[in-house]
Every structure is written in structure tokens, then in C-alpha cells.
Amino acid sequence: MRALCFWRILATVSVTAGEVTRDYSHAIVGCWLGSRKFEIYHADGTWGVKRTEDAPEDVSGRRWHVRGNKLIITQPGDHGLETAVLTIISLTDHKMVLEVSGYKEELTRYSADCQNET
């Protein structure tokens, strides 16, 4: 019985020790430039888009949160608000790589006001 308990504890510790989780919810906050637009993630869970540095930010109905390595975004769509789940492949101080349906997008961090690349 003791041997069974020992192996159960050892297996649990081994699995837990191998899991490295990162809190992406703080690291994602800021302005990012993708292939077609700026994406701005705010600490209050809203996010917006800008077509250029000088364009107004559109945040209408947009919300975001992170669960594990998944970025869950809500945005206006053709039939009201739509939700998408993107996988965070990597996130550094300067680059973020997201994947959805096999498509990867690399974004570059910009300054908080979206005026300068950092």
C-alpha cells in the first residue's frame, strides 16, 4: 500500500513539475502591429484596432482574456459579437505569435500610444 501511495505521489509531482505555465494576461497588454493593423490590448480586458498610427482606436464590443495559452477575443462580426480562440505560440517583450486554424500571425510590440516601434 505504501509503495502504491509513493508511486501516485511521484507521478503527480512529475507531471506537475513538467508543466510550466506563464501568465500571459499581463505580458499581452499594449500596442501590437500585425500584418494589416494595430491591435491594442488594455489591462481592463478591452481591446481595439487602429488601421494606422494616427487613426482612432475602435474598441466597440471588443473584449479579451487569457486562459492558459489561449487568447479569447470577442469582436463585432456579421451576426453580432463573435468569439475566437487563438493559441499563443510565443510571447516576448517584442514579439507575439498567435495561431488560429493553422494560420500563424506574428505581431511586433509598439509603444503604448502606437506611435513608435519598441
PDB file of N, CA and C in Angstrom:
ATOM      1  N   MET A   1       0.820  -1.192   0.000  1.00  0.00           N
ATOM      2  CA  MET A   1       0.000   0.000   0.000  1.00  0.00           C
ATOM      3  C   MET A   1       0.862   1.253   0.000  1.00  0.00           C
ATOM      4  N   ARG A   2       1.930   1.233   0.818  1.00  0.00           N
ATOM      5  CA  ARG A   2       2.824   2.401   0.852  1.00  0.00           C
ATOM      6  C   ARG A   2       3.488   2.614  -0.495  1.00  0.00           C
ATOM      7  N   ALA A   3       3.867   1.530  -1.156  1.00  0.00           N
ATOM      8  CA  ALA A   3       4.513   1.651  -2.468  1.00  0.00           C
ATOM      9  C   ALA A   3       3.552   2.276  -3.472  1.00  0.00           C
ATOM     10  N   LEU A   4       2.273   1.900  -3.434  1.00  0.00           N
ATOM     11  CA  LEU A   4       1.277   2.463  -4.339  1.00  0.00           C
ATOM     12  C   LEU A   4       1.103   3.959  -4.091  1.00  0.00           C
ATOM     13  N   CYS A   5       1.022   4.355  -2.824  1.00  0.00           N
ATOM     14  CA  CYS A   5       0.900   5.781  -2.484  1.00  0.00           C
ATOM     15  C   CYS A   5       2.124   6.549  -2.935  1.00  0.00           C
ATOM     16  N   PHE A   6       3.318   5.971  -2.733  1.00  0.00           N
ATOM     17  CA  PHE A   6       4.552   6.631  -3.150  1.00  0.00           C
ATOM     18  C   PHE A   6       4.559   6.871  -4.653  1.00  0.00           C
ATOM     19  N   TRP A   7       4.182   5.857  -5.451  1.00  0.00           N
ATOM     20  CA  TRP A   7       4.189   5.998  -6.910  1.00  0.00           C
ATOM     21  C   TRP A   7       3.141   6.993  -7.370  1.00  0.00           C
ATOM     22  N   ARG A   8       2.003   7.033  -6.694  1.00  0.00           N
ATOM     23  CA  ARG A   8       0.967   8.007  -7.058  1.00  0.00           C
ATOM     24  C   ARG A   8       1.473   9.429  -6.812  1.00  0.00           C
ATOM     25  N   ILE A   9       2.137   9.641  -5.675  1.00  0.00           N
ATOM     26  CA  ILE A   9       2.694  10.966  -5.362  1.00  0.00           C
ATOM     27  C   ILE A   9       3.799  11.313  -6.357  1.00  0.00           C
ATOM     28  N   LEU A  10       4.677  10.363  -6.652  1.00  0.00           N
ATOM     29  CA  LEU A  10       5.770  10.591  -7.587  1.00  0.00           C
ATOM     30  C   LEU A  10       5.227  10.943  -8.965  1.00  0.00           C
ATOM     31  N   ALA A  11       4.209  10.242  -9.432  1.00  0.00           N
ATOM     32  CA  ALA A  11       3.623  10.526 -10.741  1.00  0.00           C
ATOM     33  C   ALA A  11       3.003  11.917 -10.764  1.00  0.00           C
ATOM     34  N   THR A  12       2.322  12.294  -9.704  1.00  0.00           N
ATOM     35  CA  THR A  12       1.709  13.617  -9.629  1.00  0.00           C
ATOM     36  C   THR A  12       2.763  14.708  -9.645  1.00  0.00           C
ATOM     37  N   VAL A  13       3.836  14.536  -8.881  1.00  0.00           N
ATOM     38  CA  VAL A  13       4.913  15.523  -8.835  1.00  0.00           C
ATOM     39  C   VAL A  13       5.596  15.617 -10.189  1.00  0.00           C
ATOM     40  N   SER A  14       5.822  14.497 -10.860  1.00  0.00           N
ATOM     41  CA  SER A  14       6.490  14.512 -12.157  1.00  0.00           C
ATOM     42  C   SER A  14       5.678  15.276 -13.196  1.00  0.00           C
ATOM     43  N   VAL A  15       4.387  15.047 -13.244  1.00  0.00           N
ATOM     44  CA  VAL A  15       3.542  15.750 -14.200  1.00  0.00           C
ATOM     45  C   VAL A  15       3.498  17.238 -13.871  1.00  0.00           C
ATOM     46  N   THR A  16       3.319  17.575 -12.611  1.00  0.00           N
ATOM     47  CA  THR A  16       3.240  18.970 -12.198  1.00  0.00           C
ATOM     48  C   THR A  16       4.553  19.689 -12.454  1.00  0.00           C
ATOM     49  N   ALA A  17       5.676  19.046 -12.186  1.00  0.00           N
ATOM     50  CA  ALA A  17       6.975  19.685 -12.378  1.00  0.00           C
ATOM     51  C   ALA A  17       7.236  19.973 -13.849  1.00  0.00           C
ATOM     52  N   GLY A  18       6.692  19.162 -14.760  1.00  0.00           N
ATOM     53  CA  GLY A  18       6.905  19.366 -16.184  1.00  0.00           C
ATOM     54  C   GLY A  18       6.066  20.474 -16.775  1.00  0.00           C
ATOM     55  N   GLU A  19       5.031  20.883 -16.095  1.00  0.00           N
ATOM     56  CA  GLU A  19       4.146  21.916 -16.603  1.00  0.00           C
ATOM     57  C   GLU A  19       4.676  23.292 -16.219  1.00  0.00           C
ATOM     58  N   VAL A  20       4.955  24.106 -17.222  1.00  0.00           N
ATOM     59  CA  VAL A  20       5.394  25.469 -16.967  1.00  0.00           C
ATOM     60  C   VAL A  20       4.315  26.392 -17.517  1.00  0.00           C
ATOM     61  N   THR A  21       3.645  27.070 -16.631  1.00  0.00           N
ATOM     62  CA  THR A  21       2.596  27.981 -17.074  1.00  0.00           C
ATOM     63  C   THR A  21       3.081  29.403 -16.928  1.00  0.00           C
ATOM     64  N   ARG A  22       2.665  30.242 -17.850  1.00  0.00           N
ATOM     65  CA  ARG A  22       3.037  31.648 -17.818  1.00  0.00           C
ATOM     66  C   ARG A  22       1.760  32.456 -17.837  1.00  0.00           C
ATOM     67  N   ASP A  23       1.754  33.513 -17.060  1.00  0.00           N
ATOM     68  CA  ASP A  23       0.599  34.400 -17.043  1.00  0.00           C
ATOM     69  C   ASP A  23       0.753  35.400 -18.178  1.00  0.00           C
ATOM     70  N   TYR A  24       0.140  35.098 -19.317  1.00  0.00           N
ATOM     71  CA  TYR A  24       0.225  35.956 -20.490  1.00  0.00           C
ATOM     72  C   TYR A  24      -0.635  37.213 -20.346  1.00  0.00           C
ATOM     73  N   SER A  25      -1.561  37.221 -19.407  1.00  0.00           N
ATOM     74  CA  SER A  25      -2.521  38.326 -19.327  1.00  0.00           C
ATOM     75  C   SER A  25      -1.868  39.671 -19.030  1.00  0.00           C
ATOM     76  N   HIS A  26      -0.721  39.671 -18.374  1.00  0.00           N
ATOM     77  CA  HIS A  26      -0.018  40.940 -18.130  1.00  0.00           C
ATOM     78  C   HIS A  26       0.908  41.275 -19.294  1.00  0.00           C
ATOM     79  N   ALA A  27       1.536  40.264 -19.862  1.00  0.00           N
ATOM     80  CA  ALA A  27       2.510  40.484 -20.927  1.00  0.00           C
ATOM     81  C   ALA A  27       1.874  40.958 -22.226  1.00  0.00           C
ATOM     82  N   ILE A  28       0.614  40.633 -22.450  1.00  0.00           N
ATOM     83  CA  ILE A  28      -0.042  40.975 -23.710  1.00  0.00           C
ATOM     84  C   ILE A  28      -0.512  42.431 -23.759  1.00  0.00           C
ATOM     85  N   VAL A  29      -0.653  43.064 -22.606  1.00  0.00           N
ATOM     86  CA  VAL A  29      -1.162  44.435 -22.552  1.00  0.00           C
ATOM     87  C   VAL A  29      -0.227  45.366 -23.321  1.00  0.00           C
ATOM     88  N   GLY A  30      -0.811  46.154 -24.226  1.00  0.00           N
ATOM     89  CA  GLY A  30      -0.026  47.111 -25.004  1.00  0.00           C
ATOM     90  C   GLY A  30      -0.477  47.156 -26.441  1.00  0.00           C
ATOM     91  N   CYS A  31       0.313  47.809 -27.252  1.00  0.00           N
ATOM     92  CA  CYS A  31       0.015  48.010 -28.669  1.00  0.00           C
ATOM     93  C   CYS A  31       0.898  47.094 -29.511  1.00  0.00           C
ATOM     94  N   TRP A  32       0.277  46.362 -30.432  1.00  0.00           N
ATOM     95  CA  TRP A  32       0.969  45.395 -31.281  1.00  0.00           C
ATOM     96  C   TRP A  32       0.629  45.673 -32.747  1.00  0.00           C
ATOM     97  N   LEU A  33       1.614  45.563 -33.635  1.00  0.00           N
ATOM     98  CA  LEU A  33       1.393  45.722 -35.067  1.00  0.00           C
ATOM     99  C   LEU A  33       1.392  44.361 -35.720  1.00  0.00           C
ATOM    100  N   GLY A  34       0.267  44.033 -36.365  1.00  0.00           N
ATOM    101  CA  GLY A  34       0.150  42.799 -37.122  1.00  0.00           C
ATOM    102  C   GLY A  34       0.367  43.074 -38.594  1.00  0.00           C
ATOM    103  N   SER A  35      -0.080  42.171 -39.437  1.00  0.00           N
ATOM    104  CA  SER A  35       0.140  42.313 -40.884  1.00  0.00           C
ATOM    105  C   SER A  35      -0.703  43.420 -41.507  1.00  0.00           C
ATOM    106  N   ARG A  36      -1.856  43.769 -40.890  1.00  0.00           N
ATOM    107  CA  ARG A  36      -2.739  44.764 -41.505  1.00  0.00           C
ATOM    108  C   ARG A  36      -3.156  45.898 -40.594  1.00  0.00           C
ATOM    109  N   LYS A  37      -2.944  45.740 -39.289  1.00  0.00           N
ATOM    110  CA  LYS A  37      -3.463  46.760 -38.368  1.00  0.00           C
ATOM    111  C   LYS A  37      -2.762  46.682 -37.025  1.00  0.00           C
ATOM    112  N   PHE A  38      -2.992  47.723 -36.229  1.00  0.00           N
ATOM    113  CA  PHE A  38      -2.538  47.730 -34.852  1.00  0.00           C
ATOM    114  C   PHE A  38      -3.620  47.081 -33.998  1.00  0.00           C
ATOM    115  N   GLU A  39      -3.208  46.278 -33.030  1.00  0.00           N
ATOM    116  CA  GLU A  39      -4.113  45.712 -32.043  1.00  0.00           C
ATOM    117  C   GLU A  39      -3.651  46.211 -30.684  1.00  0.00           C
ATOM    118  N   ILE A  40      -4.571  46.801 -29.915  1.00  0.00           N
ATOM    119  CA  ILE A  40      -4.230  47.367 -28.618  1.00  0.00           C
ATOM    120  C   ILE A  40      -5.001  46.608 -27.545  1.00  0.00           C
ATOM    121  N   TYR A  41      -4.270  45.956 -26.644  1.00  0.00           N
ATOM    122  CA  TYR A  41      -4.875  45.185 -25.563  1.00  0.00           C
ATOM    123  C   TYR A  41      -4.744  45.990 -24.269  1.00  0.00           C
ATOM    124  N   HIS A  42      -5.872  46.330 -23.673  1.00  0.00           N
ATOM    125  CA  HIS A  42      -5.913  47.141 -22.457  1.00  0.00           C
ATOM    126  C   HIS A  42      -6.029  46.247 -21.225  1.00  0.00           C
ATOM    127  N   ALA A  43      -5.481  46.727 -20.105  1.00  0.00           N
ATOM    128  CA  ALA A  43      -5.478  45.964 -18.855  1.00  0.00           C
ATOM    129  C   ALA A  43      -6.886  45.688 -18.325  1.00  0.00           C
ATOM    130  N   ASP A  44      -7.874  46.490 -18.737  1.00  0.00           N
ATOM    131  CA  ASP A  44      -9.250  46.292 -18.260  1.00  0.00           C
ATOM    132  C   ASP A  44     -10.017  45.228 -19.039  1.00  0.00           C
ATOM    133  N   GLY A  45      -9.334  44.528 -19.968  1.00  0.00           N
ATOM    134  CA  GLY A  45      -9.984  43.455 -20.730  1.00  0.00           C
ATOM    135  C   GLY A  45     -10.629  43.911 -22.017  1.00  0.00           C
ATOM    136  N   THR A  46     -10.478  45.172 -22.379  1.00  0.00           N
ATOM    137  CA  THR A  46     -10.958  45.634 -23.681  1.00  0.00           C
ATOM    138  C   THR A  46      -9.782  45.616 -24.646  1.00  0.00           C
ATOM    139  N   TRP A  47     -10.096  45.596 -25.931  1.00  0.00           N
ATOM    140  CA  TRP A  47      -9.040  45.708 -26.931  1.00  0.00           C
ATOM    141  C   TRP A  47      -9.595  46.476 -28.115  1.00  0.00           C
ATOM    142  N   GLY A  48      -8.699  47.035 -28.877  1.00  0.00           N
ATOM    143  CA  GLY A  48      -9.125  47.836 -30.015  1.00  0.00           C
ATOM    144  C   GLY A  48      -8.211  47.637 -31.204  1.00  0.00           C
ATOM    145  N   VAL A  49      -8.634  48.205 -32.320  1.00  0.00           N
ATOM    146  CA  VAL A  49      -7.835  48.155 -33.543  1.00  0.00           C
ATOM    147  C   VAL A  49      -7.684  49.562 -34.099  1.00  0.00           C
ATOM    148  N   LYS A  50      -6.557  49.767 -34.760  1.00  0.00           N
ATOM    149  CA  LYS A  50      -6.270  51.009 -35.465  1.00  0.00           C
ATOM    150  C   LYS A  50      -5.680  50.624 -36.814  1.00  0.00           C
ATOM    151  N   ARG A  51      -6.119  51.280 -37.875  1.00  0.00           N
ATOM    152  CA  ARG A  51      -5.581  50.976 -39.213  1.00  0.00           C
ATOM    153  C   ARG A  51      -4.220  51.635 -39.436  1.00  0.00           C
ATOM    154  N   THR A  52      -3.998  52.792 -38.810  1.00  0.00           N
ATOM    155  CA  THR A  52      -2.717  53.496 -38.879  1.00  0.00           C
ATOM    156  C   THR A  52      -2.426  54.085 -37.503  1.00  0.00           C
ATOM    157  N   GLU A  53      -1.203  54.607 -37.349  1.00  0.00           N
ATOM    158  CA  GLU A  53      -0.825  55.204 -36.070  1.00  0.00           C
ATOM    159  C   GLU A  53      -1.741  56.349 -35.684  1.00  0.00           C
ATOM    160  N   ASP A  54      -2.193  57.127 -36.672  1.00  0.00           N
ATOM    161  CA  ASP A  54      -2.989  58.322 -36.412  1.00  0.00           C
ATOM    162  C   ASP A  54      -4.501  58.077 -36.405  1.00  0.00           C
ATOM    163  N   ALA A  55      -4.922  56.897 -36.775  1.00  0.00           N
ATOM    164  CA  ALA A  55      -6.354  56.590 -36.832  1.00  0.00           C
ATOM    165  C   ALA A  55      -6.921  56.460 -35.421  1.00  0.00           C
ATOM    166  N   PRO A  56      -8.218  56.717 -35.254  1.00  0.00           N
ATOM    167  CA  PRO A  56      -8.830  56.497 -33.931  1.00  0.00           C
ATOM    168  C   PRO A  56      -8.906  54.997 -33.635  1.00  0.00           C
ATOM    169  N   GLU A  57      -8.858  54.682 -32.366  1.00  0.00           N
ATOM    170  CA  GLU A  57      -8.952  53.285 -31.940  1.00  0.00           C
ATOM    171  C   GLU A  57     -10.423  52.869 -31.874  1.00  0.00           C
ATOM    172  N   ASP A  58     -10.736  51.737 -32.472  1.00  0.00           N
ATOM    173  CA  ASP A  58     -12.089  51.195 -32.442  1.00  0.00           C
ATOM    174  C   ASP A  58     -12.128  50.052 -31.430  1.00  0.00           C
ATOM    175  N   VAL A  59     -12.839  50.267 -30.310  1.00  0.00           N
ATOM    176  CA  VAL A  59     -12.953  49.241 -29.269  1.00  0.00           C
ATOM    177  C   VAL A  59     -14.373  48.697 -29.151  1.00  0.00           C
ATOM    178  N   SER A  60     -15.250  49.088 -30.040  1.00  0.00           N
ATOM    179  CA  SER A  60     -16.675  48.745 -29.934  1.00  0.00           C
ATOM    180  C   SER A  60     -16.907  47.243 -29.776  1.00  0.00           C
ATOM    181  N   GLY A  61     -17.373  46.850 -28.575  1.00  0.00           N
ATOM    182  CA  GLY A  61     -17.726  45.463 -28.296  1.00  0.00           C
ATOM    183  C   GLY A  61     -16.565  44.507 -28.140  1.00  0.00           C
ATOM    184  N   ARG A  62     -15.362  44.995 -28.216  1.00  0.00           N
ATOM    185  CA  ARG A  62     -14.200  44.105 -28.161  1.00  0.00           C
ATOM    186  C   ARG A  62     -13.761  43.852 -26.711  1.00  0.00           C
ATOM    187  N   ARG A  63     -13.604  42.560 -26.378  1.00  0.00           N
ATOM    188  CA  ARG A  63     -13.131  42.129 -25.052  1.00  0.00           C
ATOM    189  C   ARG A  63     -12.092  41.029 -25.269  1.00  0.00           C
ATOM    190  N   TRP A  64     -11.226  40.848 -24.287  1.00  0.00           N
ATOM    191  CA  TRP A  64     -10.239  39.770 -24.365  1.00  0.00           C
ATOM    192  C   TRP A  64      -9.937  39.234 -22.972  1.00  0.00           C
ATOM    193  N   HIS A  65      -9.510  37.983 -22.922  1.00  0.00           N
ATOM    194  CA  HIS A  65      -8.947  37.397 -21.712  1.00  0.00           C
ATOM    195  C   HIS A  65      -8.093  36.200 -22.118  1.00  0.00           C
ATOM    196  N   VAL A  66      -7.275  35.771 -21.191  1.00  0.00           N
ATOM    197  CA  VAL A  66      -6.358  34.667 -21.445  1.00  0.00           C
ATOM    198  C   VAL A  66      -6.701  33.526 -20.513  1.00  0.00           C
ATOM    199  N   ARG A  67      -6.707  32.321 -21.066  1.00  0.00           N
ATOM    200  CA  ARG A  67      -6.895  31.104 -20.274  1.00  0.00           C
ATOM    201  C   ARG A  67      -5.791  30.134 -20.698  1.00  0.00           C
ATOM    202  N   GLY A  68      -4.798  29.986 -19.826  1.00  0.00           N
ATOM    203  CA  GLY A  68      -3.643  29.155 -20.189  1.00  0.00           C
ATOM    204  C   GLY A  68      -2.869  29.817 -21.319  1.00  0.00           C
ATOM    205  N   ASN A  69      -2.707  29.084 -22.438  1.00  0.00           N
ATOM    206  CA  ASN A  69      -2.038  29.668 -23.601  1.00  0.00           C
ATOM    207  C   ASN A  69      -3.043  30.053 -24.696  1.00  0.00           C
ATOM    208  N   LYS A  70      -4.289  30.268 -24.308  1.00  0.00           N
ATOM    209  CA  LYS A  70      -5.335  30.654 -25.255  1.00  0.00           C
ATOM    210  C   LYS A  70      -5.733  32.108 -25.039  1.00  0.00           C
ATOM    211  N   LEU A  71      -5.742  32.871 -26.113  1.00  0.00           N
ATOM    212  CA  LEU A  71      -6.231  34.236 -26.107  1.00  0.00           C
ATOM    213  C   LEU A  71      -7.653  34.183 -26.647  1.00  0.00           C
ATOM    214  N   ILE A  72      -8.612  34.537 -25.815  1.00  0.00           N
ATOM    215  CA  ILE A  72     -10.018  34.510 -26.209  1.00  0.00           C
ATOM    216  C   ILE A  72     -10.452  35.948 -26.454  1.00  0.00           C
ATOM    217  N   ILE A  73     -10.862  36.225 -27.693  1.00  0.00           N
ATOM    218  CA  ILE A  73     -11.268  37.578 -28.048  1.00  0.00           C
ATOM    219  C   ILE A  73     -12.721  37.587 -28.509  1.00  0.00           C
ATOM    220  N   THR A  74     -13.412  38.657 -28.165  1.00  0.00           N
ATOM    221  CA  THR A  74     -14.766  38.900 -28.648  1.00  0.00           C
ATOM    222  C   THR A  74     -14.694  40.157 -29.496  1.00  0.00           C
ATOM    223  N   GLN A  75     -15.364  40.116 -30.644  1.00  0.00           N
ATOM    224  CA  GLN A  75     -15.315  41.241 -31.570  1.00  0.00           C
ATOM    225  C   GLN A  75     -16.598  41.299 -32.391  1.00  0.00           C
ATOM    226  N   PRO A  76     -16.900  42.456 -32.957  1.00  0.00           N
ATOM    227  CA  PRO A  76     -18.084  42.557 -33.809  1.00  0.00           C
ATOM    228  C   PRO A  76     -17.902  41.708 -35.069  1.00  0.00           C
ATOM    229  N   GLY A  77     -18.968  41.018 -35.451  1.00  0.00           N
ATOM    230  CA  GLY A  77     -18.932  40.212 -36.665  1.00  0.00           C
ATOM    231  C   GLY A  77     -20.155  40.491 -37.512  1.00  0.00           C
ATOM    232  N   ASP A  78     -20.368  39.681 -38.513  1.00  0.00           N
ATOM    233  CA  ASP A  78     -21.505  39.856 -39.414  1.00  0.00           C
ATOM    234  C   ASP A  78     -22.846  39.625 -38.731  1.00  0.00           C
ATOM    235  N   HIS A  79     -22.861  38.825 -37.681  1.00  0.00           N
ATOM    236  CA  HIS A  79     -24.107  38.479 -36.993  1.00  0.00           C
ATOM    237  C   HIS A  79     -24.014  38.800 -35.504  1.00  0.00           C
ATOM    238  N   GLY A  80     -23.563  39.994 -35.187  1.00  0.00           N
ATOM    239  CA  GLY A  80     -23.397  40.385 -33.785  1.00  0.00           C
ATOM    240  C   GLY A  80     -21.986  40.099 -33.311  1.00  0.00           C
ATOM    241  N   LEU A  81     -21.822  39.932 -32.001  1.00  0.00           N
ATOM    242  CA  LEU A  81     -20.493  39.671 -31.454  1.00  0.00           C
ATOM    243  C   LEU A  81     -20.081  38.228 -31.692  1.00  0.00           C
ATOM    244  N   GLU A  82     -18.830  38.050 -32.058  1.00  0.00           N
ATOM    245  CA  GLU A  82     -18.272  36.728 -32.302  1.00  0.00           C
ATOM    246  C   GLU A  82     -17.080  36.513 -31.385  1.00  0.00           C
ATOM    247  N   THR A  83     -16.857  35.269 -30.981  1.00  0.00           N
ATOM    248  CA  THR A  83     -15.726  34.927 -30.119  1.00  0.00           C
ATOM    249  C   THR A  83     -14.768  34.035 -30.888  1.00  0.00           C
ATOM    250  N   ALA A  84     -13.480  34.311 -30.736  1.00  0.00           N
ATOM    251  CA  ALA A  84     -12.443  33.497 -31.368  1.00  0.00           C
ATOM    252  C   ALA A  84     -11.440  33.080 -30.296  1.00  0.00           C
ATOM    253  N   VAL A  85     -10.884  31.904 -30.470  1.00  0.00           N
ATOM    254  CA  VAL A  85      -9.870  31.392 -29.552  1.00  0.00           C
ATOM    255  C   VAL A  85      -8.582  31.226 -30.343  1.00  0.00           C
ATOM    256  N   LEU A  86      -7.562  31.980 -29.956  1.00  0.00           N
ATOM    257  CA  LEU A  86      -6.262  31.937 -30.606  1.00  0.00           C
ATOM    258  C   LEU A  86      -5.249  31.306 -29.659  1.00  0.00           C
ATOM    259  N   THR A  87      -4.354  30.516 -30.186  1.00  0.00           N
ATOM    260  CA  THR A  87      -3.310  29.912 -29.377  1.00  0.00           C
ATOM    261  C   THR A  87      -2.098  30.832 -29.362  1.00  0.00           C
ATOM    262  N   ILE A  88      -1.590  31.107 -28.175  1.00  0.00           N
ATOM    263  CA  ILE A  88      -0.374  31.907 -28.039  1.00  0.00           C
ATOM    264  C   ILE A  88       0.806  30.954 -28.214  1.00  0.00           C
ATOM    265  N   ILE A  89       1.473  31.062 -29.349  1.00  0.00           N
ATOM    266  CA  ILE A  89       2.627  30.208 -29.640  1.00  0.00           C
ATOM    267  C   ILE A  89       3.847  30.725 -28.895  1.00  0.00           C
ATOM    268  N   SER A  90       4.059  32.041 -28.956  1.00  0.00           N
ATOM    269  CA  SER A  90       5.155  32.650 -28.192  1.00  0.00           C
ATOM    270  C   SER A  90       4.802  34.101 -27.903  1.00  0.00           C
ATOM    271  N   LEU A  91       5.361  34.609 -26.811  1.00  0.00           N
ATOM    272  CA  LEU A  91       5.122  35.986 -26.412  1.00  0.00           C
ATOM    273  C   LEU A  91       6.353  36.474 -25.660  1.00  0.00           C
ATOM    274  N   THR A  92       7.056  37.438 -26.264  1.00  0.00           N
ATOM    275  CA  THR A  92       8.214  38.059 -25.630  1.00  0.00           C
ATOM    276  C   THR A  92       7.898  39.536 -25.448  1.00  0.00           C
ATOM    277  N   ASP A  93       8.871  40.284 -24.978  1.00  0.00           N
ATOM    278  CA  ASP A  93       8.670  41.723 -24.821  1.00  0.00           C
ATOM    279  C   ASP A  93       8.462  42.428 -26.151  1.00  0.00           C
ATOM    280  N   HIS A  94       8.934  41.813 -27.251  1.00  0.00           N
ATOM    281  CA  HIS A  94       8.885  42.494 -28.543  1.00  0.00           C
ATOM    282  C   HIS A  94       8.079  41.778 -29.620  1.00  0.00           C
ATOM    283  N   LYS A  95       7.816  40.498 -29.462  1.00  0.00           N
ATOM    284  CA  LYS A  95       7.100  39.724 -30.484  1.00  0.00           C
ATOM    285  C   LYS A  95       6.022  38.855 -29.843  1.00  0.00           C
ATOM    286  N   MET A  96       4.920  38.688 -30.581  1.00  0.00           N
ATOM    287  CA  MET A  96       3.864  37.773 -30.171  1.00  0.00           C
ATOM    288  C   MET A  96       3.464  36.975 -31.407  1.00  0.00           C
ATOM    289  N   VAL A  97       3.384  35.663 -31.262  1.00  0.00           N
ATOM    290  CA  VAL A  97       2.954  34.793 -32.356  1.00  0.00           C
ATOM    291  C   VAL A  97       1.679  34.100 -31.909  1.00  0.00           C
ATOM    292  N   LEU A  98       0.619  34.296 -32.708  1.00  0.00           N
ATOM    293  CA  LEU A  98      -0.689  33.703 -32.438  1.00  0.00           C
ATOM    294  C   LEU A  98      -1.031  32.739 -33.560  1.00  0.00           C
ATOM    295  N   GLU A  99      -1.830  31.709 -33.241  1.00  0.00           N
ATOM    296  CA  GLU A  99      -2.251  30.748 -34.247  1.00  0.00           C
ATOM    297  C   GLU A  99      -3.737  30.469 -34.102  1.00  0.00           C
ATOM    298  N   VAL A 100      -4.419  30.438 -35.242  1.00  0.00           N
ATOM    299  CA  VAL A 100      -5.824  30.030 -35.282  1.00  0.00           C
ATOM    300  C   VAL A 100      -6.045  29.264 -36.585  1.00  0.00           C
ATOM    301  N   SER A 101      -6.609  28.087 -36.476  1.00  0.00           N
ATOM    302  CA  SER A 101      -6.916  27.240 -37.635  1.00  0.00           C
ATOM    303  C   SER A 101      -5.705  27.011 -38.527  1.00  0.00           C
ATOM    304  N   GLY A 102      -4.530  26.818 -37.934  1.00  0.00           N
ATOM    305  CA  GLY A 102      -3.325  26.551 -38.706  1.00  0.00           C
ATOM    306  C   GLY A 102      -2.636  27.786 -39.257  1.00  0.00           C
ATOM    307  N   TYR A 103      -3.236  28.951 -39.128  1.00  0.00           N
ATOM    308  CA  TYR A 103      -2.641  30.199 -39.613  1.00  0.00           C
ATOM    309  C   TYR A 103      -1.922  30.890 -38.463  1.00  0.00           C
ATOM    310  N   LYS A 104      -0.656  31.243 -38.669  1.00  0.00           N
ATOM    311  CA  LYS A 104       0.109  31.945 -37.643  1.00  0.00           C
ATOM    312  C   LYS A 104       0.275  33.401 -38.039  1.00  0.00           C
ATOM    313  N   GLU A 105       0.152  34.271 -37.041  1.00  0.00           N
ATOM    314  CA  GLU A 105       0.395  35.690 -37.262  1.00  0.00           C
ATOM    315  C   GLU A 105       1.416  36.173 -36.242  1.00  0.00           C
ATOM    316  N   GLU A 106       2.417  36.902 -36.738  1.00  0.00           N
ATOM    317  CA  GLU A 106       3.430  37.491 -35.865  1.00  0.00           C
ATOM    318  C   GLU A 106       3.136  38.974 -35.712  1.00  0.00           C
ATOM    319  N   LEU A 107       3.104  39.428 -34.470  1.00  0.00           N
ATOM    320  CA  LEU A 107       2.871  40.836 -34.174  1.00  0.00           C
ATOM    321  C   LEU A 107       4.102  41.399 -33.487  1.00  0.00           C
ATOM    322  N   THR A 108       4.372  42.683 -33.734  1.00  0.00           N
ATOM    323  CA  THR A 108       5.505  43.383 -33.143  1.00  0.00           C
ATOM    324  C   THR A 108       4.981  44.423 -32.164  1.00  0.00           C
ATOM    325  N   ARG A 109       5.577  44.482 -30.976  1.00  0.00           N
ATOM    326  CA  ARG A 109       5.134  45.446 -29.966  1.00  0.00           C
ATOM    327  C   ARG A 109       5.503  46.866 -30.392  1.00  0.00           C
ATOM    328  N   TYR A 110       4.540  47.770 -30.201  1.00  0.00           N
ATOM    329  CA  TYR A 110       4.741  49.197 -30.413  1.00  0.00           C
ATOM    330  C   TYR A 110       4.608  49.895 -29.076  1.00  0.00           C
ATOM    331  N   SER A 111       4.885  51.186 -29.056  1.00  0.00           N
ATOM    332  CA  SER A 111       4.745  51.962 -27.820  1.00  0.00           C
ATOM    333  C   SER A 111       3.295  51.981 -27.388  1.00  0.00           C
ATOM    334  N   ALA A 112       3.052  52.363 -26.155  1.00  0.00           N
ATOM    335  CA  ALA A 112       1.700  52.350 -25.588  1.00  0.00           C
ATOM    336  C   ALA A 112       0.720  53.194 -26.409  1.00  0.00           C
ATOM    337  N   ASP A 113       1.211  54.271 -27.016  1.00  0.00           N
ATOM    338  CA  ASP A 113       0.318  55.130 -27.808  1.00  0.00           C
ATOM    339  C   ASP A 113       0.313  54.738 -29.290  1.00  0.00           C
ATOM    340  N   CYS A 114       0.943  53.626 -29.638  1.00  0.00           N
ATOM    341  CA  CYS A 114       1.016  53.104 -31.007  1.00  0.00           C
ATOM    342  C   CYS A 114       1.732  54.059 -31.960  1.00  0.00           C
ATOM    343  N   GLN A 115       2.656  54.854 -31.465  1.00  0.00           N
ATOM    344  CA  GLN A 115       3.352  55.817 -32.324  1.00  0.00           C
ATOM    345  C   GLN A 115       4.741  55.367 -32.728  1.00  0.00           C
ATOM    346  N   ASN A 116       5.382  54.496 -31.942  1.00  0.00           N
ATOM    347  CA  ASN A 116       6.756  54.098 -32.224  1.00  0.00           C
ATOM    348  C   ASN A 116       6.973  52.626 -31.944  1.00  0.00           C
ATOM    349  N   GLU A 117       7.727  51.962 -32.818  1.00  0.00           N
ATOM    350  CA  GLU A 117       8.092  50.573 -32.578  1.00  0.00           C
ATOM    351  C   GLU A 117       9.079  50.525 -31.429  1.00  0.00           C
ATOM    352  N   THR A 118       8.911  49.561 -30.518  1.00  0.00           N
ATOM    353  CA  THR A 118       9.828  49.464 -29.372  1.00  0.00           C
ATOM    354  C   THR A 118      10.948  48.502 -29.656  1.00  0.00           C
TER     355      THR A 118
END
